[in-house]
PDB file of N, CA and C in Angstrom:
ATOM      1  N   UNK A   1     103.595  73.021  26.199  1.00  0.00           N
ATOM      2  CA  UNK A   1     104.781  72.290  25.811  1.00  0.00           C
ATOM      3  C   UNK A   1     105.911  73.245  25.576  1.00  0.00           C
ATOM      4  N   UNK A   2     107.085  72.734  25.259  1.00  0.00           N
ATOM      5  CA  UNK A   2     108.255  73.581  25.102  1.00  0.00           C
ATOM      6  C   UNK A   2     108.132  74.512  23.915  1.00  0.00           C
ATOM      7  N   UNK A   3     107.245  74.219  22.975  1.00  0.00           N
ATOM      8  CA  UNK A   3     107.060  75.098  21.828  1.00  0.00           C
ATOM      9  C   UNK A   3     106.215  76.315  22.174  1.00  0.00           C
ATOM     10  N   UNK A   4     105.553  76.317  23.343  1.00  0.00           N
ATOM     11  CA  UNK A   4     104.750  77.459  23.764  1.00  0.00           C
ATOM     12  C   UNK A   4     105.666  78.581  24.185  1.00  0.00           C
ATOM     13  N   UNK A   5     105.255  79.797  23.879  1.00  0.00           N
ATOM     14  CA  UNK A   5     106.071  80.941  24.231  1.00  0.00           C
ATOM     15  C   UNK A   5     105.293  81.867  25.136  1.00  0.00           C
ATOM     16  N   UNK A   6     105.671  81.888  26.401  1.00  0.00           N
ATOM     17  CA  UNK A   6     105.007  82.770  27.348  1.00  0.00           C
ATOM     18  C   UNK A   6     105.403  84.213  27.091  1.00  0.00           C
ATOM     19  N   UNK A   7     106.524  84.452  26.418  1.00  0.00           N
ATOM     20  CA  UNK A   7     106.973  85.814  26.170  1.00  0.00           C
ATOM     21  C   UNK A   7     106.045  86.553  25.215  1.00  0.00           C
ATOM     22  N   UNK A   8     105.214  85.840  24.473  1.00  0.00           N
ATOM     23  CA  UNK A   8     104.292  86.498  23.556  1.00  0.00           C
ATOM     24  C   UNK A   8     103.011  86.944  24.259  1.00  0.00           C
ATOM     25  N   UNK A   9     102.846  86.588  25.528  1.00  0.00           N
ATOM     26  CA  UNK A   9     101.669  86.966  26.293  1.00  0.00           C
ATOM     27  C   UNK A   9     101.719  88.445  26.620  1.00  0.00           C
ATOM     28  N   UNK A  10     100.642  89.148  26.365  1.00  0.00           N
ATOM     29  CA  UNK A  10     100.558  90.559  26.713  1.00  0.00           C
ATOM     30  C   UNK A  10      99.321  90.786  27.544  1.00  0.00           C
ATOM     31  N   UNK A  11      99.530  91.351  28.705  1.00  0.00           N
ATOM     32  CA  UNK A  11      98.416  91.742  29.560  1.00  0.00           C
ATOM     33  C   UNK A  11      98.559  93.232  29.776  1.00  0.00           C
ATOM     34  N   UNK A  12      97.556  93.982  29.361  1.00  0.00           N
ATOM     35  CA  UNK A  12      97.626  95.442  29.380  1.00  0.00           C
ATOM     36  C   UNK A  12      97.825  96.024  30.756  1.00  0.00           C
ATOM     37  N   UNK A  13      98.500  97.157  30.793  1.00  0.00           N
ATOM     38  CA  UNK A  13      98.713  97.900  32.027  1.00  0.00           C
ATOM     39  C   UNK A  13      99.833  97.333  32.858  1.00  0.00           C
ATOM     40  N   UNK A  14     100.646  98.207  33.423  1.00  0.00           N
ATOM     41  CA  UNK A  14     101.769  97.758  34.234  1.00  0.00           C
ATOM     42  C   UNK A  14     101.259  97.124  35.521  1.00  0.00           C
ATOM     43  N   UNK A  15     100.604  97.926  36.345  1.00  0.00           N
ATOM     44  CA  UNK A  15     100.071  97.388  37.593  1.00  0.00           C
ATOM     45  C   UNK A  15      98.561  97.466  37.615  1.00  0.00           C
ATOM     46  N   UNK A  16      97.978  98.226  36.719  1.00  0.00           N
ATOM     47  CA  UNK A  16      96.523  98.363  36.663  1.00  0.00           C
ATOM     48  C   UNK A  16      96.019  99.395  37.648  1.00  0.00           C
ATOM     49  N   UNK A  17      94.941 100.041  37.323  1.00  0.00           N
ATOM     50  CA  UNK A  17      94.357 101.042  38.214  1.00  0.00           C
ATOM     51  C   UNK A  17      93.498 100.352  39.265  1.00  0.00           C
ATOM     52  N   UNK A  18      93.144 101.112  40.307  1.00  0.00           N
ATOM     53  CA  UNK A  18      92.262 100.557  41.333  1.00  0.00           C
ATOM     54  C   UNK A  18      90.929 100.157  40.722  1.00  0.00           C
ATOM     55  N   UNK A  19      90.428 100.978  39.777  1.00  0.00           N
ATOM     56  CA  UNK A  19      89.156 100.671  39.124  1.00  0.00           C
ATOM     57  C   UNK A  19      89.251  99.359  38.361  1.00  0.00           C
ATOM     58  N   UNK A  20      90.344  99.185  37.601  1.00  0.00           N
ATOM     59  CA  UNK A  20      90.532  97.952  36.832  1.00  0.00           C
ATOM     60  C   UNK A  20      90.638  96.762  37.772  1.00  0.00           C
ATOM     61  N   UNK A  21      91.403  96.889  38.832  1.00  0.00           N
ATOM     62  CA  UNK A  21      91.568  95.781  39.776  1.00  0.00           C
ATOM     63  C   UNK A  21      90.231  95.381  40.393  1.00  0.00           C
ATOM     64  N   UNK A  22      89.396  96.371  40.730  1.00  0.00           N
ATOM     65  CA  UNK A  22      88.119  96.039  41.357  1.00  0.00           C
ATOM     66  C   UNK A  22      87.213  95.269  40.398  1.00  0.00           C
ATOM     67  N   UNK A  23      87.340  95.511  39.094  1.00  0.00           N
ATOM     68  CA  UNK A  23      86.521  94.777  38.143  1.00  0.00           C
ATOM     69  C   UNK A  23      87.033  93.359  37.926  1.00  0.00           C
ATOM     70  N   UNK A  24      88.261  93.076  38.376  1.00  0.00           N
ATOM     71  CA  UNK A  24      88.840  91.753  38.196  1.00  0.00           C
ATOM     72  C   UNK A  24      88.639  90.854  39.407  1.00  0.00           C
ATOM     73  N   UNK A  25      88.075  91.394  40.478  1.00  0.00           N
ATOM     74  CA  UNK A  25      87.883  90.584  41.672  1.00  0.00           C
ATOM     75  C   UNK A  25      87.073  89.341  41.348  1.00  0.00           C
ATOM     76  N   UNK A  26      87.449  88.247  41.941  1.00  0.00           N
ATOM     77  CA  UNK A  26      86.772  86.966  41.764  1.00  0.00           C
ATOM     78  C   UNK A  26      86.775  86.495  40.315  1.00  0.00           C
ATOM     79  N   UNK A  27      87.806  86.809  39.584  1.00  0.00           N
ATOM     80  CA  UNK A  27      87.962  86.335  38.214  1.00  0.00           C
ATOM     81  C   UNK A  27      89.115  85.347  38.197  1.00  0.00           C
ATOM     82  N   UNK A  28      88.889  84.213  37.581  1.00  0.00           N
ATOM     83  CA  UNK A  28      89.897  83.164  37.580  1.00  0.00           C
ATOM     84  C   UNK A  28      90.200  82.717  36.167  1.00  0.00           C
ATOM     85  N   UNK A  29      91.470  82.505  35.911  1.00  0.00           N
ATOM     86  CA  UNK A  29      91.944  81.986  34.638  1.00  0.00           C
ATOM     87  C   UNK A  29      92.540  80.616  34.883  1.00  0.00           C
ATOM     88  N   UNK A  30      92.138  79.665  34.064  1.00  0.00           N
ATOM     89  CA  UNK A  30      92.678  78.306  34.126  1.00  0.00           C
ATOM     90  C   UNK A  30      93.834  78.206  33.143  1.00  0.00           C
ATOM     91  N   UNK A  31      95.009  77.873  33.651  1.00  0.00           N
ATOM     92  CA  UNK A  31      96.196  77.651  32.821  1.00  0.00           C
ATOM     93  C   UNK A  31      96.352  76.145  32.644  1.00  0.00           C
ATOM     94  N   UNK A  32      96.362  75.701  31.387  1.00  0.00           N
ATOM     95  CA  UNK A  32      96.536  74.277  31.104  1.00  0.00           C
ATOM     96  C   UNK A  32      97.842  74.156  30.323  1.00  0.00           C
ATOM     97  N   UNK A  33      98.876  73.719  31.012  1.00  0.00           N
ATOM     98  CA  UNK A  33     100.232  73.717  30.460  1.00  0.00           C
ATOM     99  C   UNK A  33     101.053  72.651  31.173  1.00  0.00           C
ATOM    100  N   UNK A  34     101.748  71.820  30.417  1.00  0.00           N
ATOM    101  CA  UNK A  34     102.538  70.760  31.037  1.00  0.00           C
ATOM    102  C   UNK A  34     103.943  71.210  31.427  1.00  0.00           C
ATOM    103  N   UNK A  35     104.441  72.289  30.863  1.00  0.00           N
ATOM    104  CA  UNK A  35     105.780  72.765  31.154  1.00  0.00           C
ATOM    105  C   UNK A  35     105.748  73.639  32.406  1.00  0.00           C
ATOM    106  N   UNK A  36     106.451  73.218  33.452  1.00  0.00           N
ATOM    107  CA  UNK A  36     106.409  73.917  34.747  1.00  0.00           C
ATOM    108  C   UNK A  36     106.907  75.362  34.652  1.00  0.00           C
ATOM    109  N   UNK A  37     107.943  75.597  33.864  1.00  0.00           N
ATOM    110  CA  UNK A  37     108.453  76.958  33.716  1.00  0.00           C
ATOM    111  C   UNK A  37     107.398  77.853  33.073  1.00  0.00           C
ATOM    112  N   UNK A  38     106.759  77.374  32.015  1.00  0.00           N
ATOM    113  CA  UNK A  38     105.693  78.151  31.369  1.00  0.00           C
ATOM    114  C   UNK A  38     104.537  78.396  32.335  1.00  0.00           C
ATOM    115  N   UNK A  39     104.215  77.401  33.163  1.00  0.00           N
ATOM    116  CA  UNK A  39     103.157  77.573  34.160  1.00  0.00           C
ATOM    117  C   UNK A  39     103.480  78.745  35.085  1.00  0.00           C
ATOM    118  N   UNK A  40     104.724  78.764  35.579  1.00  0.00           N
ATOM    119  CA  UNK A  40     105.123  79.813  36.522  1.00  0.00           C
ATOM    120  C   UNK A  40     105.137  81.191  35.871  1.00  0.00           C
ATOM    121  N   UNK A  41     105.623  81.272  34.633  1.00  0.00           N
ATOM    122  CA  UNK A  41     105.659  82.557  33.927  1.00  0.00           C
ATOM    123  C   UNK A  41     104.241  83.078  33.711  1.00  0.00           C
ATOM    124  N   UNK A  42     103.361  82.223  33.205  1.00  0.00           N
ATOM    125  CA  UNK A  42     101.974  82.633  32.988  1.00  0.00           C
ATOM    126  C   UNK A  42     101.306  83.028  34.298  1.00  0.00           C
ATOM    127  N   UNK A  43     101.509  82.217  35.325  1.00  0.00           N
ATOM    128  CA  UNK A  43     100.897  82.509  36.613  1.00  0.00           C
ATOM    129  C   UNK A  43     101.362  83.867  37.136  1.00  0.00           C
ATOM    130  N   UNK A  44     102.637  84.164  37.022  1.00  0.00           N
ATOM    131  CA  UNK A  44     103.161  85.443  37.498  1.00  0.00           C
ATOM    132  C   UNK A  44     102.494  86.604  36.759  1.00  0.00           C
ATOM    133  N   UNK A  45     102.418  86.522  35.438  1.00  0.00           N
ATOM    134  CA  UNK A  45     101.809  87.599  34.657  1.00  0.00           C
ATOM    135  C   UNK A  45     100.322  87.752  34.978  1.00  0.00           C
ATOM    136  N   UNK A  46      99.645  86.656  35.118  1.00  0.00           N
ATOM    137  CA  UNK A  46      98.205  86.685  35.373  1.00  0.00           C
ATOM    138  C   UNK A  46      97.898  87.258  36.757  1.00  0.00           C
ATOM    139  N   UNK A  47      98.634  86.820  37.764  1.00  0.00           N
ATOM    140  CA  UNK A  47      98.378  87.324  39.115  1.00  0.00           C
ATOM    141  C   UNK A  47      98.799  88.781  39.246  1.00  0.00           C
ATOM    142  N   UNK A  48      99.856  89.180  38.563  1.00  0.00           N
ATOM    143  CA  UNK A  48     100.251  90.594  38.590  1.00  0.00           C
ATOM    144  C   UNK A  48      99.207  91.477  37.925  1.00  0.00           C
ATOM    145  N   UNK A  49      98.455  90.907  36.985  1.00  0.00           N
ATOM    146  CA  UNK A  49      97.387  91.657  36.319  1.00  0.00           C
ATOM    147  C   UNK A  49      96.115  91.699  37.160  1.00  0.00           C
ATOM    148  N   UNK A  50      96.095  90.999  38.295  1.00  0.00           N
ATOM    149  CA  UNK A  50      94.967  91.070  39.201  1.00  0.00           C
ATOM    150  C   UNK A  50      94.014  89.894  39.167  1.00  0.00           C
ATOM    151  N   UNK A  51      94.338  88.874  38.407  1.00  0.00           N
ATOM    152  CA  UNK A  51      93.479  87.694  38.317  1.00  0.00           C
ATOM    153  C   UNK A  51      93.976  86.589  39.249  1.00  0.00           C
ATOM    154  N   UNK A  52      93.078  85.704  39.626  1.00  0.00           N
ATOM    155  CA  UNK A  52      93.451  84.457  40.285  1.00  0.00           C
ATOM    156  C   UNK A  52      93.697  83.438  39.186  1.00  0.00           C
ATOM    157  N   UNK A  53      94.435  82.390  39.479  1.00  0.00           N
ATOM    158  CA  UNK A  53      94.612  81.357  38.465  1.00  0.00           C
ATOM    159  C   UNK A  53      94.683  79.977  39.097  1.00  0.00           C
ATOM    160  N   UNK A  54      94.323  79.014  38.280  1.00  0.00           N
ATOM    161  CA  UNK A  54      94.408  77.599  38.613  1.00  0.00           C
ATOM    162  C   UNK A  54      95.273  76.976  37.534  1.00  0.00           C
ATOM    163  N   UNK A  55      96.105  76.027  37.925  1.00  0.00           N
ATOM    164  CA  UNK A  55      96.988  75.386  36.954  1.00  0.00           C
ATOM    165  C   UNK A  55      96.648  73.909  36.836  1.00  0.00           C
ATOM    166  N   UNK A  56      96.478  73.465  35.599  1.00  0.00           N
ATOM    167  CA  UNK A  56      96.312  72.040  35.291  1.00  0.00           C
ATOM    168  C   UNK A  56      97.491  71.640  34.414  1.00  0.00           C
ATOM    169  N   UNK A  57      98.028  70.451  34.645  1.00  0.00           N
ATOM    170  CA  UNK A  57      99.214  69.995  33.916  1.00  0.00           C
ATOM    171  C   UNK A  57      98.905  69.247  32.634  1.00  0.00           C
ATOM    172  N   UNK A  58      97.634  68.962  32.394  1.00  0.00           N
ATOM    173  CA  UNK A  58      97.247  68.302  31.144  1.00  0.00           C
ATOM    174  C   UNK A  58      95.751  68.537  30.900  1.00  0.00           C
ATOM    175  N   UNK A  59      95.311  68.145  29.717  1.00  0.00           N
ATOM    176  CA  UNK A  59      93.928  68.380  29.340  1.00  0.00           C
ATOM    177  C   UNK A  59      92.912  67.673  30.209  1.00  0.00           C
ATOM    178  N   UNK A  60      93.237  66.466  30.651  1.00  0.00           N
ATOM    179  CA  UNK A  60      92.295  65.722  31.489  1.00  0.00           C
ATOM    180  C   UNK A  60      92.061  66.444  32.818  1.00  0.00           C
ATOM    181  N   UNK A  61      93.131  66.965  33.423  1.00  0.00           N
ATOM    182  CA  UNK A  61      92.967  67.743  34.651  1.00  0.00           C
ATOM    183  C   UNK A  61      92.073  68.954  34.397  1.00  0.00           C
ATOM    184  N   UNK A  62      92.261  69.605  33.262  1.00  0.00           N
ATOM    185  CA  UNK A  62      91.449  70.779  32.926  1.00  0.00           C
ATOM    186  C   UNK A  62      89.975  70.415  32.793  1.00  0.00           C
ATOM    187  N   UNK A  63      89.698  69.327  32.096  1.00  0.00           N
ATOM    188  CA  UNK A  63      88.311  68.873  31.934  1.00  0.00           C
ATOM    189  C   UNK A  63      87.704  68.584  33.305  1.00  0.00           C
ATOM    190  N   UNK A  64      88.451  67.927  34.179  1.00  0.00           N
ATOM    191  CA  UNK A  64      87.954  67.618  35.522  1.00  0.00           C
ATOM    192  C   UNK A  64      87.688  68.888  36.328  1.00  0.00           C
ATOM    193  N   UNK A  65      88.555  69.879  36.207  1.00  0.00           N
ATOM    194  CA  UNK A  65      88.361  71.155  36.912  1.00  0.00           C
ATOM    195  C   UNK A  65      87.105  71.848  36.409  1.00  0.00           C
ATOM    196  N   UNK A  66      86.915  71.889  35.098  1.00  0.00           N
ATOM    197  CA  UNK A  66      85.727  72.534  34.534  1.00  0.00           C
ATOM    198  C   UNK A  66      84.465  71.763  34.937  1.00  0.00           C
ATOM    199  N   UNK A  67      84.528  70.449  34.947  1.00  0.00           N
ATOM    200  CA  UNK A  67      83.381  69.643  35.384  1.00  0.00           C
ATOM    201  C   UNK A  67      83.037  69.951  36.839  1.00  0.00           C
ATOM    202  N   UNK A  68      84.054  70.031  37.701  1.00  0.00           N
ATOM    203  CA  UNK A  68      83.814  70.369  39.107  1.00  0.00           C
ATOM    204  C   UNK A  68      83.225  71.773  39.229  1.00  0.00           C
ATOM    205  N   UNK A  69      83.706  72.689  38.404  1.00  0.00           N
ATOM    206  CA  UNK A  69      83.174  74.056  38.399  1.00  0.00           C
ATOM    207  C   UNK A  69      81.681  74.042  38.092  1.00  0.00           C
ATOM    208  N   UNK A  70      81.284  73.316  37.036  1.00  0.00           N
ATOM    209  CA  UNK A  70      79.862  73.263  36.681  1.00  0.00           C
ATOM    210  C   UNK A  70      79.051  72.546  37.756  1.00  0.00           C
ATOM    211  N   UNK A  71      79.599  71.490  38.348  1.00  0.00           N
ATOM    212  CA  UNK A  71      78.892  70.806  39.432  1.00  0.00           C
ATOM    213  C   UNK A  71      78.673  71.756  40.611  1.00  0.00           C
ATOM    214  N   UNK A  72      79.702  72.533  40.954  1.00  0.00           N
ATOM    215  CA  UNK A  72      79.574  73.505  42.045  1.00  0.00           C
ATOM    216  C   UNK A  72      78.566  74.588  41.697  1.00  0.00           C
ATOM    217  N   UNK A  73      78.562  75.016  40.450  1.00  0.00           N
ATOM    218  CA  UNK A  73      77.640  76.062  40.006  1.00  0.00           C
ATOM    219  C   UNK A  73      76.198  75.576  40.126  1.00  0.00           C
ATOM    220  N   UNK A  74      75.950  74.338  39.747  1.00  0.00           N
ATOM    221  CA  UNK A  74      74.614  73.762  39.840  1.00  0.00           C
ATOM    222  C   UNK A  74      74.173  73.692  41.296  1.00  0.00           C
ATOM    223  N   UNK A  75      75.119  73.384  42.185  1.00  0.00           N
ATOM    224  CA  UNK A  75      74.815  73.266  43.609  1.00  0.00           C
ATOM    225  C   UNK A  75      74.933  74.603  44.337  1.00  0.00           C
ATOM    226  N   UNK A  76      75.013  75.713  43.570  1.00  0.00           N
ATOM    227  CA  UNK A  76      75.122  77.064  44.123  1.00  0.00           C
ATOM    228  C   UNK A  76      76.338  77.258  45.007  1.00  0.00           C
ATOM    229  N   UNK A  77      77.395  76.553  44.697  1.00  0.00           N
ATOM    230  CA  UNK A  77      78.667  76.710  45.387  1.00  0.00           C
ATOM    231  C   UNK A  77      79.580  77.423  44.408  1.00  0.00           C
ATOM    232  N   UNK A  78      80.041  78.640  44.735  1.00  0.00           N
ATOM    233  CA  UNK A  78      80.816  79.432  43.786  1.00  0.00           C
ATOM    234  C   UNK A  78      82.311  79.152  43.835  1.00  0.00           C
ATOM    235  N   UNK A  79      82.731  78.153  44.588  1.00  0.00           N
ATOM    236  CA  UNK A  79      84.157  77.845  44.636  1.00  0.00           C
ATOM    237  C   UNK A  79      84.601  77.168  43.358  1.00  0.00           C
ATOM    238  N   UNK A  80      85.628  77.738  42.728  1.00  0.00           N
ATOM    239  CA  UNK A  80      86.238  77.113  41.571  1.00  0.00           C
ATOM    240  C   UNK A  80      87.236  76.115  42.104  1.00  0.00           C
ATOM    241  N   UNK A  81      87.146  74.857  41.689  1.00  0.00           N
ATOM    242  CA  UNK A  81      88.059  73.849  42.214  1.00  0.00           C
ATOM    243  C   UNK A  81      89.475  74.097  41.737  1.00  0.00           C
ATOM    244  N   UNK A  82      90.424  73.662  42.519  1.00  0.00           N
ATOM    245  CA  UNK A  82      91.806  73.738  42.074  1.00  0.00           C
ATOM    246  C   UNK A  82      92.269  72.344  41.704  1.00  0.00           C
ATOM    247  N   UNK A  83      93.248  72.286  40.830  1.00  0.00           N
ATOM    248  CA  UNK A  83      93.786  70.979  40.450  1.00  0.00           C
ATOM    249  C   UNK A  83      94.725  70.498  41.530  1.00  0.00           C
ATOM    250  N   UNK A  84      94.996  69.210  41.540  1.00  0.00           N
ATOM    251  CA  UNK A  84      95.904  68.664  42.536  1.00  0.00           C
ATOM    252  C   UNK A  84      97.311  69.179  42.340  1.00  0.00           C
ATOM    253  N   UNK A  85      97.669  69.583  41.118  1.00  0.00           N
ATOM    254  CA  UNK A  85      99.008  70.081  40.857  1.00  0.00           C
ATOM    255  C   UNK A  85      99.053  71.599  40.852  1.00  0.00           C
ATOM    256  N   UNK A  86      97.940  72.229  41.232  1.00  0.00           N
ATOM    257  CA  UNK A  86      97.888  73.686  41.197  1.00  0.00           C
ATOM    258  C   UNK A  86      98.895  74.270  42.157  1.00  0.00           C
ATOM    259  N   UNK A  87      99.576  75.299  41.710  1.00  0.00           N
ATOM    260  CA  UNK A  87     100.496  75.988  42.600  1.00  0.00           C
ATOM    261  C   UNK A  87      99.827  77.205  43.205  1.00  0.00           C
ATOM    262  N   UNK A  88      98.516  77.276  43.064  1.00  0.00           N
ATOM    263  CA  UNK A  88      97.755  78.349  43.687  1.00  0.00           C
ATOM    264  C   UNK A  88      97.861  78.185  45.194  1.00  0.00           C
ATOM    265  N   UNK A  89      97.828  79.309  45.904  1.00  0.00           N
ATOM    266  CA  UNK A  89      98.029  79.257  47.346  1.00  0.00           C
ATOM    267  C   UNK A  89      96.817  78.714  48.090  1.00  0.00           C
ATOM    268  N   UNK A  90      95.650  78.738  47.486  1.00  0.00           N
ATOM    269  CA  UNK A  90      94.469  78.237  48.176  1.00  0.00           C
ATOM    270  C   UNK A  90      93.971  76.962  47.522  1.00  0.00           C
ATOM    271  N   UNK A  91      93.263  76.153  48.302  1.00  0.00           N
ATOM    272  CA  UNK A  91      92.790  74.881  47.763  1.00  0.00           C
ATOM    273  C   UNK A  91      91.625  75.065  46.810  1.00  0.00           C
ATOM    274  N   UNK A  92      90.871  76.137  46.964  1.00  0.00           N
ATOM    275  CA  UNK A  92      89.837  76.482  45.992  1.00  0.00           C
ATOM    276  C   UNK A  92      89.671  77.988  46.000  1.00  0.00           C
ATOM    277  N   UNK A  93      89.259  78.530  44.891  1.00  0.00           N
ATOM    278  CA  UNK A  93      89.133  79.971  44.751  1.00  0.00           C
ATOM    279  C   UNK A  93      87.666  80.337  44.650  1.00  0.00           C
ATOM    280  N   UNK A  94      87.243  81.284  45.458  1.00  0.00           N
ATOM    281  CA  UNK A  94      85.861  81.737  45.407  1.00  0.00           C
ATOM    282  C   UNK A  94      85.733  82.732  44.268  1.00  0.00           C
ATOM    283  N   UNK A  95      85.357  82.250  43.114  1.00  0.00           N
ATOM    284  CA  UNK A  95      85.328  83.087  41.928  1.00  0.00           C
ATOM    285  C   UNK A  95      84.601  82.396  40.795  1.00  0.00           C
ATOM    286  N   UNK A  96      84.627  83.038  39.646  1.00  0.00           N
ATOM    287  CA  UNK A  96      84.030  82.498  38.445  1.00  0.00           C
ATOM    288  C   UNK A  96      85.135  82.184  37.453  1.00  0.00           C
ATOM    289  N   UNK A  97      85.049  81.054  36.817  1.00  0.00           N
ATOM    290  CA  UNK A  97      86.030  80.666  35.811  1.00  0.00           C
ATOM    291  C   UNK A  97      85.740  81.463  34.543  1.00  0.00           C
ATOM    292  N   UNK A  98      86.677  82.316  34.120  1.00  0.00           N
ATOM    293  CA  UNK A  98      86.438  83.228  33.014  1.00  0.00           C
ATOM    294  C   UNK A  98      87.186  82.902  31.740  1.00  0.00           C
ATOM    295  N   UNK A  99      88.349  82.289  31.845  1.00  0.00           N
ATOM    296  CA  UNK A  99      89.189  82.110  30.677  1.00  0.00           C
ATOM    297  C   UNK A  99      90.066  80.893  30.871  1.00  0.00           C
ATOM    298  N   UNK A 100      90.361  80.210  29.772  1.00  0.00           N
ATOM    299  CA  UNK A 100      91.273  79.066  29.805  1.00  0.00           C
ATOM    300  C   UNK A 100      92.397  79.316  28.819  1.00  0.00           C
ATOM    301  N   UNK A 101      93.637  79.285  29.303  1.00  0.00           N
ATOM    302  CA  UNK A 101      94.812  79.280  28.432  1.00  0.00           C
ATOM    303  C   UNK A 101      95.179  77.820  28.246  1.00  0.00           C
ATOM    304  N   UNK A 102      95.063  77.313  27.020  1.00  0.00           N
ATOM    305  CA  UNK A 102      95.237  75.881  26.762  1.00  0.00           C
ATOM    306  C   UNK A 102      96.422  75.630  25.841  1.00  0.00           C
ATOM    307  N   UNK A 103      97.365  74.833  26.310  1.00  0.00           N
ATOM    308  CA  UNK A 103      98.446  74.338  25.460  1.00  0.00           C
ATOM    309  C   UNK A 103      97.842  73.274  24.545  1.00  0.00           C
ATOM    310  N   UNK A 104      98.450  73.029  23.416  1.00  0.00           N
ATOM    311  CA  UNK A 104      97.913  72.030  22.494  1.00  0.00           C
ATOM    312  C   UNK A 104      98.505  70.649  22.709  1.00  0.00           C
ATOM    313  N   UNK A 105      99.823  70.569  22.855  1.00  0.00           N
ATOM    314  CA  UNK A 105     100.497  69.275  22.960  1.00  0.00           C
ATOM    315  C   UNK A 105     100.896  68.995  24.399  1.00  0.00           C
ATOM    316  N   UNK A 106     100.165  68.059  25.019  1.00  0.00           N
ATOM    317  CA  UNK A 106     100.418  67.689  26.408  1.00  0.00           C
ATOM    318  C   UNK A 106     100.237  66.188  26.563  1.00  0.00           C
ATOM    319  N   UNK A 107     100.839  65.629  27.607  1.00  0.00           N
ATOM    320  CA  UNK A 107     100.613  64.207  27.886  1.00  0.00           C
ATOM    321  C   UNK A 107      99.197  63.986  28.416  1.00  0.00           C
ATOM    322  N   UNK A 108      98.770  62.761  28.474  1.00  0.00           N
ATOM    323  CA  UNK A 108      97.476  62.313  28.973  1.00  0.00           C
ATOM    324  C   UNK A 108      96.350  62.730  28.029  1.00  0.00           C
ATOM    325  N   UNK A 109      96.122  64.043  27.865  1.00  0.00           N
ATOM    326  CA  UNK A 109      95.123  64.544  26.924  1.00  0.00           C
ATOM    327  C   UNK A 109      95.602  65.890  26.393  1.00  0.00           C
ATOM    328  N   UNK A 110      95.616  66.030  25.094  1.00  0.00           N
ATOM    329  CA  UNK A 110      96.052  67.264  24.456  1.00  0.00           C
ATOM    330  C   UNK A 110      94.994  68.350  24.522  1.00  0.00           C
ATOM    331  N   UNK A 111      95.398  69.540  24.125  1.00  0.00           N
ATOM    332  CA  UNK A 111      94.535  70.706  24.210  1.00  0.00           C
ATOM    333  C   UNK A 111      93.317  70.662  23.308  1.00  0.00           C
ATOM    334  N   UNK A 112      93.450  70.089  22.123  1.00  0.00           N
ATOM    335  CA  UNK A 112      92.314  70.052  21.202  1.00  0.00           C
ATOM    336  C   UNK A 112      91.207  69.150  21.743  1.00  0.00           C
ATOM    337  N   UNK A 113      91.574  67.965  22.201  1.00  0.00           N
ATOM    338  CA  UNK A 113      90.568  67.052  22.774  1.00  0.00           C
ATOM    339  C   UNK A 113      89.972  67.639  24.053  1.00  0.00           C
ATOM    340  N   UNK A 114      90.808  68.241  24.890  1.00  0.00           N
ATOM    341  CA  UNK A 114      90.307  68.848  26.131  1.00  0.00           C
ATOM    342  C   UNK A 114      89.329  69.973  25.817  1.00  0.00           C
ATOM    343  N   UNK A 115      89.646  70.778  24.810  1.00  0.00           N
ATOM    344  CA  UNK A 115      88.750  71.874  24.417  1.00  0.00           C
ATOM    345  C   UNK A 115      87.418  71.327  23.924  1.00  0.00           C
ATOM    346  N   UNK A 116      87.450  70.260  23.132  1.00  0.00           N
ATOM    347  CA  UNK A 116      86.197  69.633  22.685  1.00  0.00           C
ATOM    348  C   UNK A 116      85.346  69.193  23.871  1.00  0.00           C
ATOM    349  N   UNK A 117      85.985  68.547  24.836  1.00  0.00           N
ATOM    350  CA  UNK A 117      85.237  68.057  26.002  1.00  0.00           C
ATOM    351  C   UNK A 117      84.709  69.202  26.859  1.00  0.00           C
ATOM    352  N   UNK A 118      85.505  70.254  27.009  1.00  0.00           N
ATOM    353  CA  UNK A 118      85.058  71.414  27.780  1.00  0.00           C
ATOM    354  C   UNK A 118      83.883  72.093  27.078  1.00  0.00           C
ATOM    355  N   UNK A 119      83.947  72.204  25.772  1.00  0.00           N
ATOM    356  CA  UNK A 119      82.828  72.790  25.009  1.00  0.00           C
ATOM    357  C   UNK A 119      81.574  71.935  25.151  1.00  0.00           C
ATOM    358  N   UNK A 120      81.737  70.613  25.176  1.00  0.00           N
ATOM    359  CA  UNK A 120      80.598  69.721  25.404  1.00  0.00           C
ATOM    360  C   UNK A 120      79.992  69.967  26.780  1.00  0.00           C
ATOM    361  N   UNK A 121      80.856  70.132  27.799  1.00  0.00           N
ATOM    362  CA  UNK A 121      80.370  70.424  29.149  1.00  0.00           C
ATOM    363  C   UNK A 121      79.644  71.763  29.169  1.00  0.00           C
ATOM    364  N   UNK A 122      80.217  72.721  28.489  1.00  0.00           N
ATOM    365  CA  UNK A 122      79.632  74.053  28.414  1.00  0.00           C
ATOM    366  C   UNK A 122      78.235  74.000  27.802  1.00  0.00           C
ATOM    367  N   UNK A 123      78.102  73.250  26.721  1.00  0.00           N
ATOM    368  CA  UNK A 123      76.810  73.093  26.053  1.00  0.00           C
ATOM    369  C   UNK A 123      75.792  72.399  26.936  1.00  0.00           C
ATOM    370  N   UNK A 124      76.237  71.409  27.681  1.00  0.00           N
ATOM    371  CA  UNK A 124      75.334  70.667  28.555  1.00  0.00           C
ATOM    372  C   UNK A 124      74.874  71.505  29.745  1.00  0.00           C
ATOM    373  N   UNK A 125      75.655  72.531  30.102  1.00  0.00           N
ATOM    374  CA  UNK A 125      75.331  73.338  31.266  1.00  0.00           C
ATOM    375  C   UNK A 125      74.974  74.781  30.900  1.00  0.00           C
ATOM    376  N   UNK A 126      74.583  74.987  29.674  1.00  0.00           N
ATOM    377  CA  UNK A 126      74.296  76.358  29.220  1.00  0.00           C
ATOM    378  C   UNK A 126      73.169  76.996  30.020  1.00  0.00           C
ATOM    379  N   UNK A 127      72.246  76.246  30.501  1.00  0.00           N
ATOM    380  CA  UNK A 127      71.140  76.792  31.297  1.00  0.00           C
ATOM    381  C   UNK A 127      71.364  76.685  32.792  1.00  0.00           C
ATOM    382  N   UNK A 128      72.540  76.154  33.182  1.00  0.00           N
ATOM    383  CA  UNK A 128      72.809  75.967  34.615  1.00  0.00           C
ATOM    384  C   UNK A 128      73.085  77.272  35.319  1.00  0.00           C
TER     385      UNK A 128
END
């Protein structure tokens, strides 16, 4: 939401070393943010740090992306799904979902409820 401040985000290293970049291969961060400007700022910082990212515009989209991720993992498909509103250049990313940046106040479903549902999914798939 507009109260989120992307300027407080710090990702270490200017461009990162080759060693650091190689350890980030196939790492994906899910950005859950309804403000398009904040989405673009976060995406720029994250991709410059060497990560892939997926963007969801609300909590429900995030829950659906995480559910698809676990479904793919169970079926031995390592593609992380992208959201329909994702500005990522590819339709799906061959990687592992590692981190979620979650806004709290969003339309459709807020960050707190989305986090609860994602944690429930995580618990249900802990052995997957």
